[in-house]
Every structure is written in structure tokens, then in C-alpha cells.
Amino acid sequence: MMNCNDAIKPQTKVYGFLSEYAQQNRFSVMMNRMFQNIGADAMMIPMNIRADDFFFTI
């Protein structure tokens, strides 16, 4: 679950979690749950990025 209604609004703070295996990692799920518990309008998006593409992506 992301934020209250799983939507990104103009004021939503969006964070990216870059990793080769980001989709399989539970870090973004844990962070989104924490954002929801504290009532923050924020969302962490997991993005699969290979190590050799990391600096090109940034």
C-alpha cells in the first residue's frame, strides 16, 4: 500500500529506491507503510536499475 488512496497528487513527496533488485526488496514497502502510519503524503517507488546503468540514470 502506498498512501491513503494509492495516488500521487501534486503535493505528494516521491522518493525513488534505486537497486538492481528493487522490486523484490521489501524496503519500499516498509517505507510506504511508515509514511502511511505517520500520516505523511509521501511515496517510495522501487526502480530496478542495473549497476552498470546506475550513474547514467542519475
PDB file of N, CA and C in Angstrom:
ATOM      1  N   MET A   1       0.847  -1.173   0.000  1.00  0.00           N
ATOM      2  CA  MET A   1       0.000   0.000   0.000  1.00  0.00           C
ATOM      3  C   MET A   1       0.893   1.236   0.000  1.00  0.00           C
ATOM      4  N   MET A   2       0.533   2.213  -0.768  1.00  0.00           N
ATOM      5  CA  MET A   2       1.319   3.430  -0.862  1.00  0.00           C
ATOM      6  C   MET A   2       0.814   4.441   0.159  1.00  0.00           C
ATOM      7  N   ASN A   3       0.071   5.438  -0.279  1.00  0.00           N
ATOM      8  CA  ASN A   3      -0.517   6.385   0.665  1.00  0.00           C
ATOM      9  C   ASN A   3      -1.986   6.023   0.852  1.00  0.00           C
ATOM     10  N   CYS A   4      -2.770   6.898   1.404  1.00  0.00           N
ATOM     11  CA  CYS A   4      -4.154   6.555   1.776  1.00  0.00           C
ATOM     12  C   CYS A   4      -4.978   6.001   0.611  1.00  0.00           C
ATOM     13  N   ASN A   5      -4.823   6.563  -0.572  1.00  0.00           N
ATOM     14  CA  ASN A   5      -5.614   6.089  -1.707  1.00  0.00           C
ATOM     15  C   ASN A   5      -4.742   5.648  -2.884  1.00  0.00           C
ATOM     16  N   ASP A   6      -3.481   5.320  -2.618  1.00  0.00           N
ATOM     17  CA  ASP A   6      -2.550   4.843  -3.641  1.00  0.00           C
ATOM     18  C   ASP A   6      -2.447   5.795  -4.836  1.00  0.00           C
ATOM     19  N   ALA A   7      -2.519   7.081  -4.587  1.00  0.00           N
ATOM     20  CA  ALA A   7      -2.455   8.065  -5.665  1.00  0.00           C
ATOM     21  C   ALA A   7      -1.325   9.059  -5.408  1.00  0.00           C
ATOM     22  N   ILE A   8      -0.730   9.523  -6.483  1.00  0.00           N
ATOM     23  CA  ILE A   8       0.295  10.566  -6.381  1.00  0.00           C
ATOM     24  C   ILE A   8      -0.368  11.876  -6.784  1.00  0.00           C
ATOM     25  N   LYS A   9      -0.430  12.798  -5.847  1.00  0.00           N
ATOM     26  CA  LYS A   9      -1.012  14.113  -6.100  1.00  0.00           C
ATOM     27  C   LYS A   9       0.121  15.112  -6.304  1.00  0.00           C
ATOM     28  N   PRO A  10      -0.173  16.313  -6.767  1.00  0.00           N
ATOM     29  CA  PRO A  10       0.891  17.300  -6.988  1.00  0.00           C
ATOM     30  C   PRO A  10       1.734  17.589  -5.743  1.00  0.00           C
ATOM     31  N   GLN A  11       1.148  17.499  -4.560  1.00  0.00           N
ATOM     32  CA  GLN A  11       1.895  17.825  -3.341  1.00  0.00           C
ATOM     33  C   GLN A  11       2.589  16.599  -2.725  1.00  0.00           C
ATOM     34  N   THR A  12       2.367  15.402  -3.275  1.00  0.00           N
ATOM     35  CA  THR A  12       2.967  14.179  -2.741  1.00  0.00           C
ATOM     36  C   THR A  12       4.478  14.204  -2.942  1.00  0.00           C
ATOM     37  N   LYS A  13       5.219  13.896  -1.890  1.00  0.00           N
ATOM     38  CA  LYS A  13       6.671  13.761  -1.992  1.00  0.00           C
ATOM     39  C   LYS A  13       6.966  12.357  -2.480  1.00  0.00           C
ATOM     40  N   VAL A  14       7.716  12.257  -3.568  1.00  0.00           N
ATOM     41  CA  VAL A  14       8.022  10.965  -4.170  1.00  0.00           C
ATOM     42  C   VAL A  14       9.519  10.708  -4.040  1.00  0.00           C
ATOM     43  N   TYR A  15       9.834   9.521  -3.516  1.00  0.00           N
ATOM     44  CA  TYR A  15      11.224   9.102  -3.357  1.00  0.00           C
ATOM     45  C   TYR A  15      11.438   7.864  -4.219  1.00  0.00           C
ATOM     46  N   GLY A  16      12.620   7.762  -4.795  1.00  0.00           N
ATOM     47  CA  GLY A  16      12.954   6.596  -5.597  1.00  0.00           C
ATOM     48  C   GLY A  16      13.962   5.722  -4.876  1.00  0.00           C
ATOM     49  N   PHE A  17      13.730   4.435  -4.903  1.00  0.00           N
ATOM     50  CA  PHE A  17      14.666   3.456  -4.352  1.00  0.00           C
ATOM     51  C   PHE A  17      15.315   2.758  -5.534  1.00  0.00           C
ATOM     52  N   LEU A  18      16.573   3.093  -5.798  1.00  0.00           N
ATOM     53  CA  LEU A  18      17.304   2.545  -6.936  1.00  0.00           C
ATOM     54  C   LEU A  18      18.105   1.327  -6.505  1.00  0.00           C
ATOM     55  N   SER A  19      17.881   0.231  -7.190  1.00  0.00           N
ATOM     56  CA  SER A  19      18.610  -1.001  -6.906  1.00  0.00           C
ATOM     57  C   SER A  19      18.407  -1.950  -8.075  1.00  0.00           C
ATOM     58  N   GLU A  20      19.340  -2.857  -8.232  1.00  0.00           N
ATOM     59  CA  GLU A  20      19.193  -3.842  -9.298  1.00  0.00           C
ATOM     60  C   GLU A  20      17.985  -4.745  -9.049  1.00  0.00           C
ATOM     61  N   TYR A  21      17.676  -4.972  -7.783  1.00  0.00           N
ATOM     62  CA  TYR A  21      16.552  -5.837  -7.420  1.00  0.00           C
ATOM     63  C   TYR A  21      15.550  -5.087  -6.535  1.00  0.00           C
ATOM     64  N   ALA A  22      15.247  -3.864  -6.878  1.00  0.00           N
ATOM     65  CA  ALA A  22      14.368  -3.027  -6.050  1.00  0.00           C
ATOM     66  C   ALA A  22      12.972  -3.613  -5.912  1.00  0.00           C
ATOM     67  N   GLN A  23      12.421  -4.169  -6.987  1.00  0.00           N
ATOM     68  CA  GLN A  23      11.058  -4.708  -6.931  1.00  0.00           C
ATOM     69  C   GLN A  23      10.951  -5.870  -5.943  1.00  0.00           C
ATOM     70  N   GLN A  24      12.012  -6.651  -5.801  1.00  0.00           N
ATOM     71  CA  GLN A  24      11.970  -7.806  -4.908  1.00  0.00           C
ATOM     72  C   GLN A  24      12.322  -7.439  -3.468  1.00  0.00           C
ATOM     73  N   ASN A  25      12.805  -6.235  -3.251  1.00  0.00           N
ATOM     74  CA  ASN A  25      13.229  -5.801  -1.930  1.00  0.00           C
ATOM     75  C   ASN A  25      12.036  -5.241  -1.159  1.00  0.00           C
ATOM     76  N   ARG A  26      11.970  -5.479   0.134  1.00  0.00           N
ATOM     77  CA  ARG A  26      10.846  -5.017   0.963  1.00  0.00           C
ATOM     78  C   ARG A  26      11.046  -3.604   1.509  1.00  0.00           C
ATOM     79  N   PHE A  27      12.176  -2.955   1.190  1.00  0.00           N
ATOM     80  CA  PHE A  27      12.482  -1.631   1.736  1.00  0.00           C
ATOM     81  C   PHE A  27      11.412  -0.602   1.385  1.00  0.00           C
ATOM     82  N   SER A  28      10.999  -0.536   0.123  1.00  0.00           N
ATOM     83  CA  SER A  28       9.996   0.465  -0.270  1.00  0.00           C
ATOM     84  C   SER A  28       8.646   0.172   0.383  1.00  0.00           C
ATOM     85  N   VAL A  29       8.305  -1.100   0.558  1.00  0.00           N
ATOM     86  CA  VAL A  29       7.052  -1.457   1.235  1.00  0.00           C
ATOM     87  C   VAL A  29       7.104  -0.978   2.682  1.00  0.00           C
ATOM     88  N   MET A  30       8.238  -1.208   3.340  1.00  0.00           N
ATOM     89  CA  MET A  30       8.412  -0.789   4.732  1.00  0.00           C
ATOM     90  C   MET A  30       8.318   0.738   4.855  1.00  0.00           C
ATOM     91  N   MET A  31       8.977   1.450   3.948  1.00  0.00           N
ATOM     92  CA  MET A  31       8.949   2.915   3.991  1.00  0.00           C
ATOM     93  C   MET A  31       7.547   3.452   3.714  1.00  0.00           C
ATOM     94  N   ASN A  32       6.847   2.893   2.738  1.00  0.00           N
ATOM     95  CA  ASN A  32       5.485   3.346   2.442  1.00  0.00           C
ATOM     96  C   ASN A  32       4.547   3.091   3.606  1.00  0.00           C
ATOM     97  N   ARG A  33       4.738   1.988   4.306  1.00  0.00           N
ATOM     98  CA  ARG A  33       3.929   1.711   5.494  1.00  0.00           C
ATOM     99  C   ARG A  33       4.225   2.740   6.584  1.00  0.00           C
ATOM    100  N   MET A  34       5.509   3.095   6.743  1.00  0.00           N
ATOM    101  CA  MET A  34       5.882   4.104   7.738  1.00  0.00           C
ATOM    102  C   MET A  34       5.277   5.462   7.370  1.00  0.00           C
ATOM    103  N   PHE A  35       5.366   5.846   6.084  1.00  0.00           N
ATOM    104  CA  PHE A  35       4.755   7.103   5.643  1.00  0.00           C
ATOM    105  C   PHE A  35       3.272   7.123   5.976  1.00  0.00           C
ATOM    106  N   GLN A  36       2.595   6.024   5.717  1.00  0.00           N
ATOM    107  CA  GLN A  36       1.159   5.954   5.988  1.00  0.00           C
ATOM    108  C   GLN A  36       0.883   6.049   7.488  1.00  0.00           C
ATOM    109  N   ASN A  37       1.669   5.362   8.299  1.00  0.00           N
ATOM    110  CA  ASN A  37       1.449   5.359   9.752  1.00  0.00           C
ATOM    111  C   ASN A  37       1.622   6.737  10.378  1.00  0.00           C
ATOM    112  N   ILE A  38       2.536   7.537   9.837  1.00  0.00           N
ATOM    113  CA  ILE A  38       2.749   8.876  10.402  1.00  0.00           C
ATOM    114  C   ILE A  38       1.897   9.934   9.700  1.00  0.00           C
ATOM    115  N   GLY A  39       1.107   9.515   8.718  1.00  0.00           N
ATOM    116  CA  GLY A  39       0.212  10.443   8.033  1.00  0.00           C
ATOM    117  C   GLY A  39       0.901  11.334   7.010  1.00  0.00           C
ATOM    118  N   ALA A  40       2.070  10.906   6.527  1.00  0.00           N
ATOM    119  CA  ALA A  40       2.804  11.709   5.546  1.00  0.00           C
ATOM    120  C   ALA A  40       2.260  11.452   4.142  1.00  0.00           C
ATOM    121  N   ASP A  41       2.143  12.508   3.355  1.00  0.00           N
ATOM    122  CA  ASP A  41       1.741  12.369   1.952  1.00  0.00           C
ATOM    123  C   ASP A  41       3.023  12.159   1.150  1.00  0.00           C
ATOM    124  N   ALA A  42       3.537  10.939   1.236  1.00  0.00           N
ATOM    125  CA  ALA A  42       4.800  10.597   0.578  1.00  0.00           C
ATOM    126  C   ALA A  42       4.716   9.165   0.077  1.00  0.00           C
ATOM    127  N   MET A  43       5.567   8.850  -0.895  1.00  0.00           N
ATOM    128  CA  MET A  43       5.555   7.536  -1.507  1.00  0.00           C
ATOM    129  C   MET A  43       6.960   7.192  -1.982  1.00  0.00           C
ATOM    130  N   MET A  44       7.380   5.959  -1.757  1.00  0.00           N
ATOM    131  CA  MET A  44       8.666   5.489  -2.272  1.00  0.00           C
ATOM    132  C   MET A  44       8.388   4.520  -3.411  1.00  0.00           C
ATOM    133  N   ILE A  45       9.026   4.783  -4.545  1.00  0.00           N
ATOM    134  CA  ILE A  45       8.832   3.979  -5.739  1.00  0.00           C
ATOM    135  C   ILE A  45      10.098   3.147  -5.972  1.00  0.00           C
ATOM    136  N   PRO A  46       9.980   1.802  -6.019  1.00  0.00           N
ATOM    137  CA  PRO A  46      11.157   0.985  -6.325  1.00  0.00           C
ATOM    138  C   PRO A  46      11.457   1.035  -7.819  1.00  0.00           C
ATOM    139  N   MET A  47      12.719   1.241  -8.171  1.00  0.00           N
ATOM    140  CA  MET A  47      13.113   1.318  -9.578  1.00  0.00           C
ATOM    141  C   MET A  47      14.290   0.383  -9.803  1.00  0.00           C
ATOM    142  N   ASN A  48      14.078  -0.644 -10.623  1.00  0.00           N
ATOM    143  CA  ASN A  48      15.147  -1.586 -10.939  1.00  0.00           C
ATOM    144  C   ASN A  48      16.153  -0.935 -11.875  1.00  0.00           C
ATOM    145  N   ILE A  49      17.363  -0.754 -11.398  1.00  0.00           N
ATOM    146  CA  ILE A  49      18.440  -0.151 -12.183  1.00  0.00           C
ATOM    147  C   ILE A  49      19.661  -1.058 -12.054  1.00  0.00           C
ATOM    148  N   ARG A  50      20.188  -1.539 -13.168  1.00  0.00           N
ATOM    149  CA  ARG A  50      21.398  -2.364 -13.129  1.00  0.00           C
ATOM    150  C   ARG A  50      22.580  -1.521 -12.685  1.00  0.00           C
ATOM    151  N   ALA A  51      23.545  -2.157 -12.073  1.00  0.00           N
ATOM    152  CA  ALA A  51      24.728  -1.452 -11.560  1.00  0.00           C
ATOM    153  C   ALA A  51      25.448  -0.677 -12.658  1.00  0.00           C
ATOM    154  N   ASP A  52      25.552  -1.237 -13.862  1.00  0.00           N
ATOM    155  CA  ASP A  52      26.264  -0.536 -14.941  1.00  0.00           C
ATOM    156  C   ASP A  52      25.469   0.634 -15.512  1.00  0.00           C
ATOM    157  N   ASP A  53      24.179   0.750 -15.216  1.00  0.00           N
ATOM    158  CA  ASP A  53      23.349   1.874 -15.669  1.00  0.00           C
ATOM    159  C   ASP A  53      23.097   2.901 -14.564  1.00  0.00           C
ATOM    160  N   PHE A  54      23.590   2.653 -13.364  1.00  0.00           N
ATOM    161  CA  PHE A  54      23.272   3.493 -12.222  1.00  0.00           C
ATOM    162  C   PHE A  54      23.639   4.959 -12.450  1.00  0.00           C
ATOM    163  N   PHE A  55      24.878   5.258 -12.812  1.00  0.00           N
ATOM    164  CA  PHE A  55      25.309   6.647 -12.965  1.00  0.00           C
ATOM    165  C   PHE A  55      24.673   7.296 -14.195  1.00  0.00           C
ATOM    166  N   PHE A  56      24.374   6.521 -15.221  1.00  0.00           N
ATOM    167  CA  PHE A  56      23.672   7.064 -16.391  1.00  0.00           C
ATOM    168  C   PHE A  56      22.262   7.490 -15.984  1.00  0.00           C
ATOM    169  N   THR A  57      21.619   6.713 -15.132  1.00  0.00           N
ATOM    170  CA  THR A  57      20.253   7.015 -14.696  1.00  0.00           C
ATOM    171  C   THR A  57      20.196   8.264 -13.830  1.00  0.00           C
ATOM    172  N   ILE A  58      21.174   8.410 -12.929  1.00  0.00           N
ATOM    173  CA  ILE A  58      21.200   9.556 -12.036  1.00  0.00           C
ATOM    174  C   ILE A  58      21.521  10.777 -12.871  1.00  0.00           C
TER     175      ILE A  58
END
